[in-house]
Protein backbone atom coordinates (compact mmCIF):
# COMPACT_ATOMS: atom_id res chain seq x y z
CA MET A 1 43.42 -0.29 25.22
CA GLY A 2 43.60 -0.49 21.40
CA ALA A 3 40.81 -1.80 19.23
CA LYS A 4 40.75 -5.58 18.90
CA ARG A 5 40.73 -7.44 15.61
CA GLY A 6 37.80 -9.68 14.67
CA ALA A 7 34.31 -9.86 16.11
CA VAL A 8 34.03 -8.69 19.70
CA THR A 9 31.45 -10.23 22.01
CA LEU A 10 29.35 -8.50 24.62
CA GLU A 11 30.95 -10.76 27.19
CA GLU A 12 34.35 -9.23 26.37
CA VAL A 13 32.86 -5.74 26.76
CA ALA A 14 31.46 -6.72 30.17
CA ARG A 15 34.84 -8.06 31.27
CA GLU A 16 36.63 -4.93 30.06
CA ALA A 17 34.15 -2.71 31.95
CA GLY A 18 34.24 -4.86 35.09
CA VAL A 19 30.49 -5.52 35.13
CA SER A 20 28.25 -8.55 34.70
CA LEU A 21 27.09 -9.65 31.27
CA ALA A 22 23.50 -8.77 32.20
CA THR A 23 24.52 -5.23 33.17
CA ALA A 24 26.49 -4.77 29.96
CA SER A 25 23.48 -5.96 27.96
CA ARG A 26 21.15 -3.52 29.69
CA ALA A 27 23.58 -0.65 29.11
CA ILE A 28 24.21 -1.40 25.43
CA ASN A 29 20.87 -2.76 24.28
CA GLY A 30 18.55 -0.32 26.03
CA SER A 31 16.62 -2.59 28.37
CA ALA A 32 13.70 -1.16 30.27
CA ARG A 33 15.67 -1.83 33.50
CA THR A 34 17.78 1.21 34.25
CA VAL A 35 21.53 1.30 34.61
CA ARG A 36 23.26 4.00 36.65
CA PRO A 37 24.77 6.70 34.37
CA GLU A 38 28.32 6.07 35.54
CA ILE A 39 28.00 2.34 34.85
CA ARG A 40 26.47 2.96 31.42
CA GLU A 41 29.32 5.35 30.59
CA ARG A 42 31.91 2.77 31.66
CA VAL A 43 30.32 0.08 29.50
CA GLU A 44 30.05 2.39 26.49
CA ARG A 45 33.68 3.43 26.91
CA ALA A 46 34.73 -0.22 26.95
CA ALA A 47 32.62 -0.92 23.85
CA ARG A 48 34.30 1.93 21.97
CA ALA A 49 37.75 0.77 23.02
CA LEU A 50 37.06 -2.76 21.80
CA ASN A 51 35.31 -1.57 18.61
CA TYR A 52 32.18 -3.49 19.62
CA THR A 53 29.10 -3.25 17.35
CA ALA A 54 25.73 -3.97 18.95
CA ASN A 55 23.58 -6.66 17.39
CA ALA A 56 20.23 -5.31 16.21
CA GLN A 57 18.39 -8.52 17.09
CA ALA A 58 19.85 -8.58 20.62
CA GLN A 59 18.81 -4.96 21.11
CA ALA A 60 15.25 -5.74 20.07
CA VAL A 61 14.99 -8.68 22.48
CA ALA A 62 16.47 -6.64 25.34
CA ARG A 63 13.83 -3.96 24.80
CA GLY A 64 11.06 -6.52 24.93
CA ARG A 65 10.52 -6.42 21.15
CA THR A 66 10.96 -9.10 18.51
CA ASN A 67 13.16 -8.69 15.43
CA LEU A 68 10.03 -8.57 13.26
CA VAL A 69 9.17 -5.60 11.01
CA GLY A 70 5.69 -5.33 9.54
CA LEU A 71 5.41 -3.90 6.02
CA VAL A 72 1.80 -3.06 5.18
CA VAL A 73 1.08 -2.32 1.51
CA GLN A 74 -2.12 -1.74 -0.40
CA ASP A 75 -1.63 -4.25 -3.22
CA ILE A 76 1.35 -6.60 -3.33
CA GLU A 77 0.52 -7.49 -6.96
CA ASP A 78 1.09 -3.85 -7.93
CA PRO A 79 4.78 -3.53 -8.94
CA TYR A 80 4.86 -0.11 -7.27
CA PHE A 81 4.57 -1.80 -3.88
CA SER A 82 6.74 -4.81 -4.70
CA SER A 83 9.58 -2.41 -5.63
CA ILE A 84 9.17 -0.57 -2.33
CA ALA A 85 9.15 -3.91 -0.50
CA ALA A 86 12.39 -4.97 -2.20
CA GLY A 87 14.17 -1.86 -0.92
CA ALA A 88 12.85 -2.29 2.61
CA MET A 89 13.81 -5.96 2.72
CA ARG A 90 17.42 -5.22 1.75
CA VAL A 91 17.75 -2.90 4.74
CA ALA A 92 16.02 -5.41 7.01
CA GLU A 93 18.39 -8.20 5.99
CA ALA A 94 21.41 -6.01 6.62
CA ASN A 95 20.13 -5.35 10.15
CA GLY A 96 19.17 -8.89 11.13
CA LEU A 97 15.45 -8.23 10.91
CA MET A 98 12.62 -10.30 9.44
CA VAL A 99 9.91 -8.67 7.33
CA SER A 100 6.27 -9.72 7.34
CA ILE A 101 4.33 -8.26 4.38
CA ALA A 102 0.57 -7.74 4.52
CA GLY A 103 -1.65 -6.53 1.68
CA THR A 104 -4.75 -4.51 2.52
CA GLY A 105 -6.54 -4.54 -0.84
CA ARG A 106 -6.81 -0.76 -0.40
CA ARG A 107 -9.15 -1.21 2.59
CA PRO A 108 -8.33 1.24 5.41
CA ASP A 109 -9.82 -1.10 8.04
CA LYS A 110 -7.25 -3.72 7.08
CA GLU A 111 -4.40 -1.29 7.81
CA ILE A 112 -5.77 -0.80 11.31
CA GLU A 113 -6.27 -4.54 11.78
CA TYR A 114 -2.70 -5.36 10.73
CA ALA A 115 -1.23 -2.60 12.91
CA ALA A 116 -3.09 -3.99 15.92
CA ALA A 117 -1.89 -7.52 15.13
CA LEU A 118 1.73 -6.37 14.86
CA ARG A 119 1.44 -4.58 18.19
CA GLY A 120 0.23 -7.85 19.70
CA LEU A 121 3.23 -9.63 18.19
CA ARG A 122 5.53 -6.97 19.70
CA ALA A 123 7.03 -6.18 16.31
CA ALA A 124 9.97 -3.81 16.36
CA ALA A 125 8.52 -1.53 13.68
CA ILE A 126 5.72 -0.96 11.19
CA VAL A 127 6.10 0.63 7.76
CA ILE A 128 2.83 1.45 5.98
CA ALA A 129 3.14 2.18 2.25
CA GLY A 130 0.35 3.67 0.21
CA SER A 131 -1.88 6.63 -0.31
CA ARG A 132 -4.15 7.95 2.39
CA THR A 133 -7.83 8.44 1.54
CA ASP A 134 -10.27 11.21 2.43
CA ASP A 135 -11.87 8.97 5.11
CA ARG A 136 -11.15 11.00 8.26
CA ASP A 137 -12.64 8.43 10.61
CA ALA A 138 -10.35 5.69 9.28
CA LEU A 139 -7.37 8.05 9.50
CA GLU A 140 -8.13 8.86 13.14
CA ARG A 141 -8.51 5.19 14.05
CA LEU A 142 -5.26 4.30 12.32
CA GLY A 143 -3.54 7.18 14.11
CA ALA A 144 -4.77 5.92 17.47
CA GLU A 145 -3.51 2.40 16.76
CA LEU A 146 -0.09 3.63 15.61
CA ASP A 147 0.17 5.87 18.66
CA ALA A 148 -0.50 2.85 20.88
CA PHE A 149 2.17 0.91 18.97
CA GLU A 150 4.74 3.66 19.51
CA ARG A 151 3.85 4.03 23.19
CA SER A 152 4.48 0.30 23.59
CA GLY A 153 8.03 0.79 22.32
CA GLY A 154 7.69 0.21 18.57
CA ARG A 155 8.60 2.51 15.70
CA VAL A 156 6.41 3.63 12.81
CA ALA A 157 7.00 5.15 9.37
CA LEU A 158 4.56 5.95 6.58
CA ILE A 159 5.20 6.20 2.85
CA GLY A 160 2.83 8.61 1.11
CA GLN A 161 1.19 11.78 2.38
CA ARG A 162 2.00 13.24 5.77
CA ARG A 163 -1.39 12.95 7.43
CA LEU A 164 -0.39 11.47 10.81
CA PRO A 165 2.16 12.51 13.48
CA VAL A 166 4.70 9.78 12.62
CA ASP A 167 7.91 9.68 10.60
CA THR A 168 6.98 9.89 6.92
CA VAL A 169 8.61 9.49 3.52
CA VAL A 170 6.58 11.94 1.45
CA VAL A 171 6.29 11.32 -2.29
CA ALA A 172 6.09 14.65 -4.15
CA ASN A 173 3.22 13.55 -6.38
CA ARG A 174 1.86 17.01 -7.11
CA ALA A 175 5.23 18.44 -8.12
CA GLY A 176 6.02 15.45 -10.34
CA ALA A 177 2.73 15.67 -12.22
CA ARG A 178 3.17 19.43 -12.63
CA ASP A 179 6.63 18.90 -14.14
CA LEU A 180 5.22 16.26 -16.49
CA ALA A 181 2.51 18.60 -17.78
CA THR A 182 5.11 21.30 -18.36
CA ARG A 183 7.25 18.93 -20.43
CA LEU A 184 4.29 17.62 -22.43
CA THR A 185 3.00 21.08 -23.30
CA GLY A 186 6.56 21.85 -24.33
CA LEU A 187 6.29 19.01 -26.86
CA GLY A 188 3.37 20.80 -28.49
CA TYR A 189 0.38 18.98 -26.98
CA ARG A 190 -2.66 21.15 -26.33
CA SER A 191 -5.63 18.76 -26.00
CA PHE A 192 -5.33 16.57 -22.91
CA GLY A 193 -7.32 13.94 -21.08
CA VAL A 194 -6.62 12.56 -17.61
CA LEU A 195 -7.37 9.06 -16.32
CA ALA A 196 -7.60 10.26 -12.75
CA GLY A 197 -7.96 7.18 -10.54
CA PRO A 198 -10.33 6.96 -7.55
CA ARG A 199 -11.82 10.21 -6.30
CA ASN A 200 -11.03 9.51 -2.63
CA LEU A 201 -7.38 8.49 -3.10
CA LEU A 202 -5.04 11.35 -2.18
CA THR A 203 -2.21 10.19 -4.43
CA ALA A 204 -4.56 10.29 -7.41
CA THR A 205 -6.04 13.69 -6.49
CA ASP A 206 -2.58 15.18 -5.89
CA ARG A 207 -1.37 14.00 -9.30
CA LEU A 208 -4.47 15.35 -11.02
CA ALA A 209 -4.06 18.71 -9.26
CA GLY A 210 -0.39 18.95 -10.17
CA PHE A 211 -1.02 18.11 -13.81
CA THR A 212 -3.78 20.71 -14.00
CA GLU A 213 -1.39 23.30 -12.51
CA GLY A 214 1.25 22.47 -15.10
CA MET A 215 -1.25 22.86 -17.92
CA ALA A 216 -2.41 26.19 -16.50
CA GLY A 217 1.19 27.37 -16.53
CA ALA A 218 1.12 26.89 -20.30
CA GLY A 219 -2.22 28.69 -20.62
CA ILE A 220 -4.27 25.50 -21.10
CA THR A 221 -7.43 24.62 -19.21
CA LEU A 222 -8.46 21.01 -18.66
CA PRO A 223 -12.19 20.63 -19.45
CA PRO A 224 -14.13 18.65 -16.80
CA ASP A 225 -15.37 16.12 -19.36
CA MET A 226 -11.73 15.23 -20.15
CA ILE A 227 -11.22 13.85 -16.63
CA VAL A 228 -12.32 10.25 -16.08
CA HIS A 229 -12.10 8.55 -12.69
CA GLY A 230 -11.59 4.81 -12.35
CA GLU A 231 -9.82 2.06 -10.46
CA PHE A 232 -6.11 2.49 -9.72
CA ASN A 233 -5.09 -0.55 -11.81
CA ARG A 234 -4.73 -1.79 -15.40
CA ASP A 235 -8.42 -2.52 -15.91
CA GLY A 236 -9.31 0.85 -14.44
CA GLY A 237 -7.07 2.55 -16.99
CA HIS A 238 -8.52 0.49 -19.84
CA ASP A 239 -12.13 1.28 -18.94
CA ALA A 240 -11.42 4.95 -18.25
CA MET A 241 -9.71 5.30 -21.64
CA LEU A 242 -12.72 3.85 -23.44
CA GLU A 243 -15.00 6.22 -21.53
CA LEU A 244 -12.82 9.18 -22.48
CA LEU A 245 -12.93 8.18 -26.15
CA ALA A 246 -16.71 7.90 -25.95
CA ARG A 247 -16.83 11.49 -24.75
CA ARG A 248 -14.18 13.07 -26.99
CA ARG A 249 -12.08 11.53 -29.76
CA ASP A 250 -10.00 14.64 -30.46
CA VAL A 251 -7.68 14.17 -27.46
CA GLU A 252 -3.98 14.41 -28.35
CA CYS A 253 -2.37 13.23 -25.11
CA VAL A 254 -3.64 11.24 -22.12
CA PHE A 255 -2.12 11.33 -18.64
CA ALA A 256 -2.83 8.23 -16.57
CA VAL A 257 -2.07 8.87 -12.90
CA ASN A 258 -0.03 5.68 -12.58
CA ASP A 259 1.84 3.40 -14.98
CA VAL A 260 -0.44 0.39 -14.68
CA MET A 261 -3.43 2.54 -15.65
CA ALA A 262 -1.37 3.81 -18.59
CA VAL A 263 -0.80 0.23 -19.75
CA GLY A 264 -4.56 -0.32 -19.71
CA ALA A 265 -5.04 2.90 -21.66
CA LEU A 266 -2.57 1.77 -24.36
CA ALA A 267 -4.46 -1.52 -24.70
CA ALA A 268 -7.77 0.33 -25.09
CA LEU A 269 -6.29 2.61 -27.75
CA ARG A 270 -4.95 -0.38 -29.70
CA SER A 271 -8.39 -1.99 -29.62
CA ARG A 272 -9.75 1.13 -31.33
CA GLY A 273 -6.84 1.51 -33.77
CA LEU A 274 -5.80 4.79 -32.13
CA ASP A 275 -2.53 3.76 -30.49
CA ARG A 276 -0.45 5.69 -33.04
CA ARG A 277 -2.61 8.81 -32.86
CA VAL A 278 -3.02 9.41 -29.11
CA ALA A 279 0.01 9.93 -26.86
CA VAL A 280 0.03 8.40 -23.36
CA ALA A 281 2.01 9.22 -20.20
CA GLY A 282 2.04 7.58 -16.78
CA PHE A 283 3.59 8.05 -13.36
CA ASP A 284 5.99 5.88 -11.23
CA ASP A 285 8.35 4.31 -13.85
CA ILE A 286 7.66 0.72 -12.86
CA ALA A 287 10.74 -1.31 -13.87
CA THR A 288 8.74 -4.30 -15.09
CA LEU A 289 6.81 -2.08 -17.52
CA ARG A 290 9.80 -0.45 -19.21
CA ASP A 291 9.75 -2.96 -22.10
CA ILE A 292 6.20 -2.22 -23.25
CA VAL A 293 5.73 -0.84 -26.74
CA PRO A 294 5.73 2.05 -27.18
CA ALA A 295 8.08 2.82 -24.29
CA LEU A 296 6.12 4.82 -21.73
CA THR A 297 6.73 8.45 -20.84
CA THR A 298 6.39 8.75 -17.08
CA VAL A 299 7.60 10.30 -13.83
CA ARG A 300 10.36 8.15 -12.36
CA LEU A 301 10.22 7.52 -8.63
CA PRO A 302 13.13 5.76 -6.86
CA LEU A 303 10.79 3.14 -5.40
CA ALA A 304 13.38 0.77 -3.92
CA ARG A 305 15.17 3.74 -2.33
CA ILE A 306 11.85 4.94 -0.87
CA GLY A 307 11.30 1.56 0.79
CA ALA A 308 14.85 1.49 2.11
CA ALA A 309 14.61 5.05 3.43
CA ALA A 310 11.41 4.30 5.35
CA LEU A 311 12.94 1.30 7.12
CA GLU A 312 16.17 3.15 7.82
CA MET A 313 14.07 5.89 9.38
CA VAL A 314 12.49 3.54 11.92
CA LEU A 315 15.86 2.00 12.76
CA ARG A 316 17.37 5.35 13.73
CA GLU A 317 16.84 6.81 17.19
CA PRO A 318 13.74 9.04 17.14
CA ALA A 319 14.39 12.75 16.85
CA GLU A 320 13.41 15.07 19.65
CA GLY A 321 10.54 17.34 18.71
CA PRO A 322 8.44 16.92 15.52
CA HIS A 323 8.45 13.65 13.68
CA ARG A 324 10.82 13.43 10.73
CA ARG A 325 9.85 13.94 7.11
CA LEU A 326 11.79 12.97 4.00
CA VAL A 327 10.48 14.36 0.70
CA VAL A 328 11.27 12.34 -2.44
CA ARG A 329 10.75 13.99 -5.82
CA GLY A 330 10.24 12.30 -9.15
CA GLU A 331 12.00 12.88 -12.47
CA VAL A 332 10.20 13.18 -15.81
CA VAL A 333 11.35 10.60 -18.36
CA LEU A 334 10.22 11.24 -21.95
CA ARG A 335 9.90 8.14 -24.15
CA GLU A 336 8.30 7.00 -27.42
CA SER A 337 4.70 7.07 -26.14
CA THR A 338 4.75 10.90 -26.38
CA PRO A 339 6.58 11.70 -29.63
CA GLY A 340 5.40 15.31 -29.65
CA VAL A 341 3.27 17.36 -32.04
CA ARG A 342 4.42 19.34 -35.04
CA ARG A 343 2.04 22.09 -35.95
CA GLY A 344 2.29 23.65 -39.35
């Protein structure tokens, strides 16, 4: 029988296959109640003949799940996470899913608490966006909660470092920072400082390590007193920049490990009348910060695409064997905040 025009209902598929509507639903939507292989094959053959497309919401209900997806981020006010959320929500809307967003305030216990709550709500999936920390106990407890969620029929994806046995979108932070250092040394900079973020945040430590590697490739060593740790936000960048200036005023170029810290650094330099003397670079390429003056050199990450990819990952059937990993690399974007150095 040829493919029909217009939307095809599951009832039509059931009639074509000669089975009840309930049986067709179990065969198509993956209910926990089993359907004999020959019946399932007959229903699937009828669905293909009629060009039937399963409804994502109906599939979730049939499996005993809701059409709710939990997106857990560390700071919804940070445009890094709001950009990721925008990408995830576009995919959710296209698949008939609702998204509930929870902010943890960078507290690992909150991630665990929200994951447990979403399991209780029988959410279809959880996406957790944000850096892991060096707290092994918190990581183990989160892993146990996510394992329980998956065993109950849900899907999980992380955005950040691959530290747990779940599907993960890995951001290549170390490689991006290394590429940035290579480009900046190529512009003639030799004296660097780094506003390095929190010591226990793996994203921050990866970016510091990559930048140090890139400098080493150009034969430059980063002195320990040119590394200042601080909060992973605008005020953290501002305070860390002032601390760096108190230690050394001969710095030529400062790398802030994210864009919002870089904005704080620029403000601190202006307050000291040094904004035209010291170059500044960031990481992420936050869209809402592209109009700052001077325009910020940074490492561009496709944040909306990262959010979309994570949700698409949990919507696909799980792969047999190891959990999936998608690595996303950044691209260095040179702008006016790093004009380069001419040495006579």
